[in-house]
Every structure is written in C-alpha cells, then in structure tokens.
N, C-alpha and C. Protein backbone atom coordinates (compact mmCIF):
# COMPACT_ATOMS: atom_id res chain seq x y z
N MET A 1 -1.91 -0.84 0.61
CA MET A 1 -0.80 -0.45 -0.22
C MET A 1 -1.39 0.30 -1.40
N CYS A 2 -0.85 1.45 -1.66
CA CYS A 2 -1.34 2.22 -2.81
C CYS A 2 -0.19 2.99 -3.44
N GLY A 3 -0.38 3.31 -4.67
CA GLY A 3 0.57 4.16 -5.37
C GLY A 3 0.13 5.61 -5.25
N ALA A 4 1.05 6.48 -4.98
CA ALA A 4 0.72 7.90 -4.79
C ALA A 4 0.10 8.52 -6.03
N SER A 5 0.42 7.97 -7.19
CA SER A 5 -0.08 8.53 -8.45
C SER A 5 -1.19 7.69 -9.07
N ASP A 6 -1.81 6.82 -8.28
CA ASP A 6 -2.88 5.95 -8.80
C ASP A 6 -4.11 6.79 -9.14
N ILE A 7 -4.53 6.72 -10.39
CA ILE A 7 -5.72 7.48 -10.80
C ILE A 7 -6.96 6.60 -10.85
N ALA A 8 -6.79 5.27 -10.78
CA ALA A 8 -7.93 4.37 -10.81
C ALA A 8 -8.49 4.14 -9.41
N THR A 9 -7.63 3.85 -8.47
CA THR A 9 -8.03 3.68 -7.08
C THR A 9 -7.26 4.73 -6.29
N LYS A 10 -7.90 5.82 -6.06
CA LYS A 10 -7.25 6.97 -5.42
C LYS A 10 -6.80 6.63 -4.01
N PRO A 11 -5.70 7.24 -3.56
CA PRO A 11 -5.22 6.97 -2.20
C PRO A 11 -6.27 7.19 -1.11
N VAL A 12 -7.23 8.06 -1.33
CA VAL A 12 -8.28 8.25 -0.33
C VAL A 12 -9.08 6.96 -0.12
N ALA A 13 -9.15 6.11 -1.14
CA ALA A 13 -9.82 4.81 -0.98
C ALA A 13 -9.06 3.94 0.01
N SER A 14 -7.73 4.05 0.00
CA SER A 14 -6.92 3.30 0.97
C SER A 14 -7.17 3.80 2.38
N ASP A 15 -7.41 5.07 2.54
CA ASP A 15 -7.74 5.61 3.86
C ASP A 15 -9.03 4.99 4.38
N ARG A 16 -9.99 4.84 3.51
CA ARG A 16 -11.27 4.24 3.91
C ARG A 16 -11.08 2.79 4.29
N MET A 17 -10.30 2.04 3.49
CA MET A 17 -10.05 0.64 3.81
C MET A 17 -9.35 0.51 5.16
N LYS A 18 -8.36 1.36 5.41
CA LYS A 18 -7.65 1.31 6.68
C LYS A 18 -8.60 1.57 7.84
N ALA A 19 -9.49 2.50 7.67
CA ALA A 19 -10.44 2.83 8.73
C ALA A 19 -11.37 1.65 9.04
N GLU A 20 -11.66 0.84 8.03
CA GLU A 20 -12.60 -0.28 8.20
C GLU A 20 -11.93 -1.58 8.62
N LEU A 21 -10.63 -1.70 8.44
CA LEU A 21 -9.92 -2.94 8.75
C LEU A 21 -9.04 -2.72 9.99
N PRO A 22 -9.37 -3.34 11.11
CA PRO A 22 -8.74 -3.01 12.38
C PRO A 22 -7.23 -3.22 12.46
N TYR A 23 -6.67 -4.20 11.80
CA TYR A 23 -5.24 -4.47 11.94
C TYR A 23 -4.46 -4.06 10.69
N SER A 24 -5.02 -3.16 9.95
CA SER A 24 -4.38 -2.75 8.70
C SER A 24 -3.42 -1.60 8.90
N GLU A 25 -2.58 -1.42 7.91
CA GLU A 25 -1.69 -0.27 7.83
C GLU A 25 -1.79 0.26 6.41
N ARG A 26 -1.61 1.54 6.25
CA ARG A 26 -1.61 2.12 4.91
C ARG A 26 -0.17 2.45 4.53
N VAL A 27 0.24 1.96 3.40
CA VAL A 27 1.58 2.24 2.87
C VAL A 27 1.40 2.85 1.49
N THR A 28 2.04 3.97 1.26
CA THR A 28 1.98 4.63 -0.04
C THR A 28 3.32 4.48 -0.74
N LEU A 29 3.29 3.92 -1.93
CA LEU A 29 4.50 3.82 -2.74
C LEU A 29 4.59 5.11 -3.54
N LYS A 30 5.54 5.92 -3.20
CA LYS A 30 5.62 7.29 -3.71
C LYS A 30 5.72 7.40 -5.23
N SER A 31 6.44 6.48 -5.85
CA SER A 31 6.60 6.57 -7.31
C SER A 31 5.67 5.62 -8.05
N GLY A 32 4.62 5.18 -7.40
CA GLY A 32 3.76 4.18 -8.01
C GLY A 32 2.43 4.71 -8.48
N GLY A 33 1.92 4.07 -9.50
CA GLY A 33 0.59 4.36 -10.00
C GLY A 33 -0.33 3.21 -9.62
N HIS A 34 -1.26 2.87 -10.50
CA HIS A 34 -2.22 1.80 -10.23
C HIS A 34 -1.54 0.43 -10.16
N MET A 35 -0.45 0.27 -10.85
CA MET A 35 0.28 -1.00 -10.85
C MET A 35 1.53 -0.91 -9.98
N ALA A 36 1.42 -0.27 -8.84
CA ALA A 36 2.57 -0.04 -7.96
C ALA A 36 3.26 -1.34 -7.57
N LEU A 37 2.49 -2.42 -7.44
CA LEU A 37 3.08 -3.71 -7.11
C LEU A 37 4.16 -4.09 -8.12
N MET A 38 3.89 -3.85 -9.39
CA MET A 38 4.86 -4.19 -10.44
C MET A 38 5.86 -3.06 -10.69
N GLU A 39 5.39 -1.83 -10.57
CA GLU A 39 6.24 -0.67 -10.84
C GLU A 39 7.33 -0.50 -9.78
N GLN A 40 6.98 -0.79 -8.55
CA GLN A 40 7.89 -0.60 -7.40
C GLN A 40 7.95 -1.89 -6.60
N ASN A 41 8.29 -2.99 -7.29
CA ASN A 41 8.19 -4.30 -6.64
C ASN A 41 9.11 -4.46 -5.43
N GLN A 42 10.27 -3.83 -5.42
CA GLN A 42 11.16 -3.94 -4.26
C GLN A 42 10.56 -3.22 -3.04
N GLN A 43 10.03 -2.02 -3.25
CA GLN A 43 9.39 -1.30 -2.14
C GLN A 43 8.18 -2.08 -1.64
N PHE A 44 7.42 -2.66 -2.56
CA PHE A 44 6.25 -3.45 -2.19
C PHE A 44 6.66 -4.63 -1.32
N ALA A 45 7.68 -5.37 -1.77
CA ALA A 45 8.14 -6.55 -1.03
C ALA A 45 8.64 -6.16 0.36
N GLU A 46 9.35 -5.06 0.47
CA GLU A 46 9.84 -4.60 1.77
C GLU A 46 8.69 -4.24 2.70
N ALA A 47 7.69 -3.57 2.17
CA ALA A 47 6.53 -3.19 2.99
C ALA A 47 5.78 -4.41 3.47
N VAL A 48 5.60 -5.40 2.60
CA VAL A 48 4.89 -6.63 3.00
C VAL A 48 5.71 -7.38 4.05
N SER A 49 7.02 -7.47 3.87
CA SER A 49 7.88 -8.16 4.84
C SER A 49 7.82 -7.47 6.20
N THR A 50 7.86 -6.15 6.20
CA THR A 50 7.79 -5.39 7.45
C THR A 50 6.46 -5.63 8.15
N PHE A 51 5.38 -5.60 7.39
CA PHE A 51 4.05 -5.83 7.97
C PHE A 51 3.96 -7.23 8.55
N CYS A 52 4.41 -8.23 7.80
CA CYS A 52 4.33 -9.62 8.26
C CYS A 52 5.18 -9.85 9.51
N ALA A 53 6.34 -9.22 9.57
CA ALA A 53 7.19 -9.36 10.75
C ALA A 53 6.51 -8.81 12.01
N GLY A 54 5.71 -7.78 11.82
CA GLY A 54 4.99 -7.20 12.94
C GLY A 54 3.79 -8.02 13.39
N CYS A 55 3.38 -8.97 12.58
CA CYS A 55 2.21 -9.78 12.90
C CYS A 55 2.56 -10.99 13.77
N SER A 56 3.82 -11.34 13.84
CA SER A 56 4.17 -12.55 14.58
C SER A 56 4.60 -12.27 16.00
C-alpha cells in the first residue's frame, strides 16, 4: 500500500516489495502521501478488506 504522492517512500519501493513478496499486491492510494493510511483511511480499509477476503 502506498500513497501516490509519497516523497519519503517512493511508489517504486512498493514495486520492489511486491516483486520480492510472492502473495503480495500493490495498491496505490491516489490522493495519499507518506501517511496515506491516515489521510485516506476509508480507501485503506477497503483495500485491506478486499485483500483479506481474497486470502480465505
């Protein structure tokens, strides 16, 4: 999960993590920065719920 406007942990870092973690997905919160979890908490919660539903 990354914010599209994150300047501390650039979205390219999320690409690397996805490549290294076999069951991962990359989700970009379009209006989010480094604190996308707090800035876009509803989008974050929806993405986590969707991911978890796919795991069962």
